[in-house]
Amino acid sequence: MLEFKNICVTKNKKEILQDVSFSVKPHTITAIIGKNGSGKSTLISCLTGESKYKGSVFFSDDDISLLSSRQRARIVSLLPQNLPSVSVTVEKLVEMGRNPYTDIGKRFSQKDIQHIEKAIEGTGIADIRHKKLTEISGGERQKAYIAMVLSQNTRVVALDEPTTYMDVQVEKSFVRLIRELKLKHKKTLLVVMHDLSRAVEIADNILLIDEGKVRKFGKTQEVLKSGAIEEVFGVAQYECEFDGEKKVIFR
């Protein structure tokens, strides 16, 4: 169980998050939605230890603020919004996911090597493992970063607006990878999303933040029925059918 209790964040004398509390069950996807500037990314940064906050974040009854950075990195991994195209090979990037587990000499154990190989094979990037990130496509780079997260082998994965700037085909492929993280790899995911329809499509739960406060949290269908999304975003909800599947869209 991952639990946020009374999280408050103030930056430059401005309240960014105010008394945010919610909990998520293991092996679920929680989409975090809200207008720009509502505090979505700040909430993720509390989980990863990048932002100072009042309140508590618990994982399996352990307060993560009391853990060292290495200990936290064995529980939570982050896929940031902007994925740098640095001049390292795909394989080297994936290896970085094992940094929280290696010794001072950065030597890999047999277990580390197994996690790295499993992550590369599992994301289908074996054929580009020796290419540099600067030499591959955006979709391939997304897979490489997902492989790094897999090699880190954390129980919780946080993704900050991962589909921003993706074209349609790359986004579809990436959404499949997100689902695999939950179903195949048994991860608990928190995903900051700007696409409301996509959030509803993939999430088990929705956390709607409005001006730094929790406006609504619950199972996706419950949040949909509440009308809170329409009120916060000033949109209307429609149900359509595409390729035999019912989809919810907002306009």
Protein backbone atom coordinates (compact mmCIF):
# COMPACT_ATOMS: atom_id res chain seq x y z
CA MET A 1 0.00 0.00 0.00
CA LEU A 2 1.23 3.47 -0.94
CA GLU A 3 -0.26 6.23 1.19
CA PHE A 4 -0.01 10.02 1.14
CA LYS A 5 -1.10 11.70 4.38
CA ASN A 6 -1.78 15.42 4.71
CA ILE A 7 0.85 16.48 2.17
CA CYS A 8 1.48 20.23 2.10
CA VAL A 9 4.07 21.99 -0.05
CA THR A 10 4.92 25.69 0.00
CA LYS A 11 7.30 27.32 -2.49
CA ASN A 12 8.17 31.01 -2.47
CA LYS A 13 5.44 31.57 0.14
CA LYS A 14 2.84 30.05 -2.19
CA GLU A 15 0.91 26.93 -1.24
CA ILE A 16 1.33 24.38 -4.02
CA LEU A 17 -0.28 21.39 -2.29
CA GLN A 18 -2.73 21.63 0.58
CA ASP A 19 -3.57 18.67 2.81
CA VAL A 20 -3.40 16.04 0.05
CA SER A 21 -4.32 12.56 1.31
CA PHE A 22 -5.01 9.36 -0.63
CA SER A 23 -3.83 5.76 -0.83
CA VAL A 24 -3.42 3.29 -3.67
CA LYS A 25 -3.44 -0.48 -3.69
CA PRO A 26 -0.55 -2.51 -5.12
CA HIS A 27 -0.49 -3.41 -8.84
CA THR A 28 -2.80 -0.59 -9.91
CA ILE A 29 -2.53 2.44 -12.17
CA THR A 30 -3.51 5.79 -10.68
CA ALA A 31 -3.80 8.70 -13.11
CA ILE A 32 -3.12 12.12 -11.61
CA ILE A 33 -4.99 14.83 -13.50
CA GLY A 34 -5.58 18.54 -13.05
CA LYS A 35 -5.07 21.87 -14.76
CA ASN A 36 -1.58 23.21 -15.40
CA GLY A 37 -0.09 24.48 -12.16
CA SER A 38 -2.43 22.45 -9.96
CA GLY A 39 0.45 20.60 -8.24
CA LYS A 40 0.54 17.27 -10.10
CA SER A 41 4.28 17.15 -10.75
CA THR A 42 4.99 18.53 -7.29
CA LEU A 43 3.15 15.57 -5.79
CA ILE A 44 5.37 13.17 -7.73
CA SER A 45 8.46 15.05 -6.56
CA CYS A 46 7.37 14.48 -2.96
CA LEU A 47 7.32 10.75 -3.62
CA THR A 48 10.80 10.77 -5.13
CA GLY A 49 12.25 13.04 -2.44
CA GLU A 50 12.90 16.01 -4.72
CA SER A 51 10.50 18.37 -2.90
CA LYS A 52 10.32 19.23 0.76
CA TYR A 53 6.88 18.72 2.25
CA LYS A 54 4.87 18.56 5.44
CA GLY A 55 2.93 15.37 6.06
CA SER A 56 3.94 11.79 5.36
CA VAL A 57 4.32 9.34 2.49
CA PHE A 58 4.21 5.70 3.52
CA PHE A 59 5.04 2.58 1.59
CA SER A 60 4.19 -0.67 3.39
CA ASP A 61 4.02 1.31 6.67
CA ASP A 62 7.54 2.75 6.14
CA ASP A 63 7.84 6.54 6.06
CA ILE A 64 9.92 7.08 2.92
CA SER A 65 11.25 10.43 4.20
CA LEU A 66 13.27 8.46 6.75
CA LEU A 67 14.97 6.37 4.08
CA SER A 68 18.28 7.16 2.42
CA SER A 69 18.25 8.14 -1.25
CA ARG A 70 19.55 4.66 -2.17
CA GLN A 71 16.86 2.96 -0.09
CA ARG A 72 14.15 5.12 -1.66
CA ALA A 73 15.51 4.39 -5.15
CA ARG A 74 14.95 0.69 -4.47
CA ILE A 75 11.25 1.39 -3.84
CA VAL A 76 10.38 4.20 -6.27
CA SER A 77 11.59 4.81 -9.82
CA LEU A 78 10.76 7.87 -11.91
CA LEU A 79 10.25 8.35 -15.62
CA PRO A 80 10.43 12.17 -16.03
CA GLN A 81 8.49 14.23 -18.52
CA ASN A 82 11.54 15.18 -20.55
CA LEU A 83 13.79 12.26 -21.49
CA PRO A 84 17.31 13.53 -22.24
CA SER A 85 18.91 12.32 -25.46
CA VAL A 86 22.35 12.01 -23.90
CA SER A 87 25.35 10.50 -25.69
CA VAL A 88 25.33 7.09 -24.02
CA THR A 89 24.32 3.75 -25.43
CA VAL A 90 20.95 2.19 -24.75
CA GLU A 91 22.67 -0.57 -22.79
CA LYS A 92 24.51 1.94 -20.57
CA LEU A 93 21.23 3.74 -19.86
CA VAL A 94 19.56 0.50 -18.80
CA GLU A 95 22.54 -0.32 -16.59
CA MET A 96 21.99 2.96 -14.72
CA GLY A 97 18.83 1.47 -13.29
CA ARG A 98 21.01 -0.81 -11.15
CA ASN A 99 22.93 2.07 -9.49
CA PRO A 100 20.96 1.83 -6.20
CA TYR A 101 22.18 -1.76 -5.80
CA THR A 102 25.85 -1.64 -6.83
CA ASP A 103 28.87 -1.24 -4.59
CA ILE A 104 31.34 1.67 -4.54
CA GLY A 105 33.16 0.25 -7.56
CA LYS A 106 29.87 0.10 -9.52
CA ARG A 107 30.44 -3.59 -10.15
CA PHE A 108 27.48 -5.62 -11.33
CA SER A 109 26.55 -8.86 -9.61
CA GLN A 110 25.05 -11.75 -11.53
CA LYS A 111 21.64 -10.62 -10.25
CA ASP A 112 22.23 -7.11 -11.63
CA ILE A 113 23.14 -8.55 -15.04
CA GLN A 114 20.00 -10.69 -15.03
CA HIS A 115 17.80 -7.64 -14.34
CA ILE A 116 19.51 -5.65 -17.10
CA GLU A 117 19.13 -8.43 -19.67
CA LYS A 118 15.54 -9.11 -18.67
CA ALA A 119 14.68 -5.41 -19.03
CA ILE A 120 16.29 -5.18 -22.48
CA GLU A 121 14.58 -8.32 -23.74
CA GLY A 122 11.25 -7.41 -22.14
CA THR A 123 11.04 -4.07 -23.93
CA GLY A 124 12.22 -5.43 -27.27
CA ILE A 125 15.29 -3.22 -27.62
CA ALA A 126 18.01 -5.86 -27.91
CA ASP A 127 18.69 -4.87 -31.52
CA ILE A 128 19.51 -1.26 -30.56
CA ARG A 129 21.34 -1.90 -27.27
CA HIS A 130 24.68 -0.68 -28.66
CA LYS A 131 23.29 2.44 -30.32
CA LYS A 132 23.50 5.84 -28.65
CA LEU A 133 20.31 7.59 -27.53
CA THR A 134 21.17 10.36 -29.99
CA GLU A 135 20.96 7.85 -32.84
CA ILE A 136 17.52 6.34 -32.20
CA SER A 137 13.93 7.49 -32.64
CA GLY A 138 11.75 9.05 -29.97
CA GLY A 139 9.71 5.87 -29.59
CA GLU A 140 12.85 3.77 -29.19
CA ARG A 141 14.17 6.22 -26.61
CA GLN A 142 10.93 5.85 -24.62
CA LYS A 143 11.41 2.07 -24.60
CA ALA A 144 15.02 2.49 -23.48
CA TYR A 145 13.97 4.59 -20.49
CA ILE A 146 11.23 2.11 -19.62
CA ALA A 147 13.90 -0.61 -19.71
CA MET A 148 15.99 1.45 -17.28
CA VAL A 149 12.98 1.64 -14.94
CA LEU A 150 12.48 -2.12 -15.27
CA SER A 151 16.09 -2.83 -14.45
CA GLN A 152 15.77 -0.66 -11.34
CA ASN A 153 13.07 -3.15 -10.30
CA THR A 154 11.12 -0.93 -7.92
CA ARG A 155 7.69 -1.69 -6.53
CA VAL A 156 6.40 1.80 -7.38
CA VAL A 157 6.86 3.57 -10.72
CA ALA A 158 6.07 7.27 -11.15
CA LEU A 159 5.62 8.72 -14.64
CA ASP A 160 5.34 12.47 -15.17
CA GLU A 161 3.29 13.20 -18.31
CA PRO A 162 5.00 10.39 -20.24
CA THR A 163 3.01 10.79 -23.47
CA THR A 164 3.73 14.51 -23.96
CA TYR A 165 5.14 15.26 -27.45
CA MET A 166 4.50 11.70 -28.69
CA ASP A 167 2.85 11.02 -32.01
CA VAL A 168 -0.19 8.74 -32.06
CA GLN A 169 1.58 5.49 -32.96
CA VAL A 170 4.35 5.97 -30.41
CA GLU A 171 1.79 6.84 -27.74
CA LYS A 172 -0.20 3.66 -28.40
CA SER A 173 2.93 1.55 -28.07
CA PHE A 174 3.90 3.36 -24.89
CA VAL A 175 0.46 2.83 -23.33
CA ARG A 176 0.87 -0.90 -23.96
CA LEU A 177 4.17 -0.78 -22.07
CA ILE A 178 2.51 0.99 -19.14
CA ARG A 179 -0.12 -1.72 -18.97
CA GLU A 180 2.57 -4.39 -19.08
CA LEU A 181 4.30 -2.75 -16.12
CA LYS A 182 1.13 -3.32 -14.11
CA LEU A 183 -0.05 -6.69 -15.43
CA LYS A 184 3.18 -8.50 -16.28
CA HIS A 185 5.66 -6.86 -13.92
CA LYS A 186 3.23 -6.24 -11.02
CA LYS A 187 4.15 -2.58 -10.53
CA THR A 188 2.14 0.11 -8.76
CA LEU A 189 2.00 3.14 -11.06
CA LEU A 190 1.30 6.82 -10.53
CA VAL A 191 0.98 8.57 -13.88
CA VAL A 192 0.61 12.34 -14.31
CA MET A 193 -1.48 12.83 -17.45
CA HIS A 194 -2.78 15.77 -19.47
CA ASP A 195 -4.92 13.69 -21.87
CA LEU A 196 -8.16 13.12 -19.96
CA SER A 197 -9.51 10.48 -22.35
CA ARG A 198 -6.29 8.50 -22.22
CA ALA A 199 -6.19 8.76 -18.42
CA VAL A 200 -9.69 7.32 -18.18
CA GLU A 201 -8.76 4.57 -20.63
CA ILE A 202 -5.74 3.20 -18.75
CA ALA A 203 -6.28 4.05 -15.07
CA ASP A 204 -7.83 1.96 -12.31
CA ASN A 205 -8.08 5.09 -10.16
CA ILE A 206 -8.21 8.82 -10.83
CA LEU A 207 -6.77 11.51 -8.57
CA LEU A 208 -8.16 14.90 -9.58
CA ILE A 209 -6.22 17.82 -8.12
CA ASP A 210 -7.68 21.32 -8.24
CA GLU A 211 -5.63 24.30 -7.05
CA GLY A 212 -3.44 22.11 -4.87
CA LYS A 213 -6.26 20.19 -3.22
CA VAL A 214 -7.82 16.79 -3.85
CA ARG A 215 -11.06 17.49 -5.65
CA LYS A 216 -11.90 13.83 -6.22
CA PHE A 217 -10.20 10.48 -5.77
CA GLY A 218 -11.55 7.01 -6.42
CA LYS A 219 -12.09 4.30 -8.98
CA THR A 220 -12.19 5.63 -12.52
CA GLN A 221 -15.88 4.96 -13.10
CA GLU A 222 -16.80 6.59 -9.79
CA VAL A 223 -14.88 9.75 -10.67
CA LEU A 224 -16.47 9.78 -14.13
CA LYS A 225 -19.97 9.58 -12.66
CA SER A 226 -19.27 12.36 -10.14
CA GLY A 227 -19.05 15.09 -12.78
CA ALA A 228 -15.96 16.52 -11.07
CA ILE A 229 -13.79 16.36 -14.21
CA GLU A 230 -16.32 18.40 -16.19
CA GLU A 231 -16.55 21.00 -13.42
CA VAL A 232 -12.80 21.46 -13.00
CA PHE A 233 -11.87 21.50 -16.69
CA GLY A 234 -15.05 23.09 -18.06
CA VAL A 235 -15.61 20.26 -20.54
CA ALA A 236 -18.41 17.85 -21.46
CA GLN A 237 -18.13 14.06 -21.31
CA TYR A 238 -19.15 11.87 -24.24
CA GLU A 239 -19.14 8.11 -24.77
CA CYS A 240 -18.22 6.96 -28.27
CA GLU A 241 -17.39 3.69 -29.96
CA PHE A 242 -14.15 3.15 -31.90
CA ASP A 243 -13.31 -0.20 -33.52
CA GLY A 244 -15.96 -1.92 -31.42
CA GLU A 245 -14.69 -0.46 -28.13
CA LYS A 246 -16.44 2.15 -26.02
CA LYS A 247 -14.32 5.22 -25.28
CA VAL A 248 -14.88 8.28 -23.14
CA ILE A 249 -13.88 11.62 -24.64
CA PHE A 250 -14.02 15.16 -23.28
CA ARG A 251 -14.70 18.33 -25.24
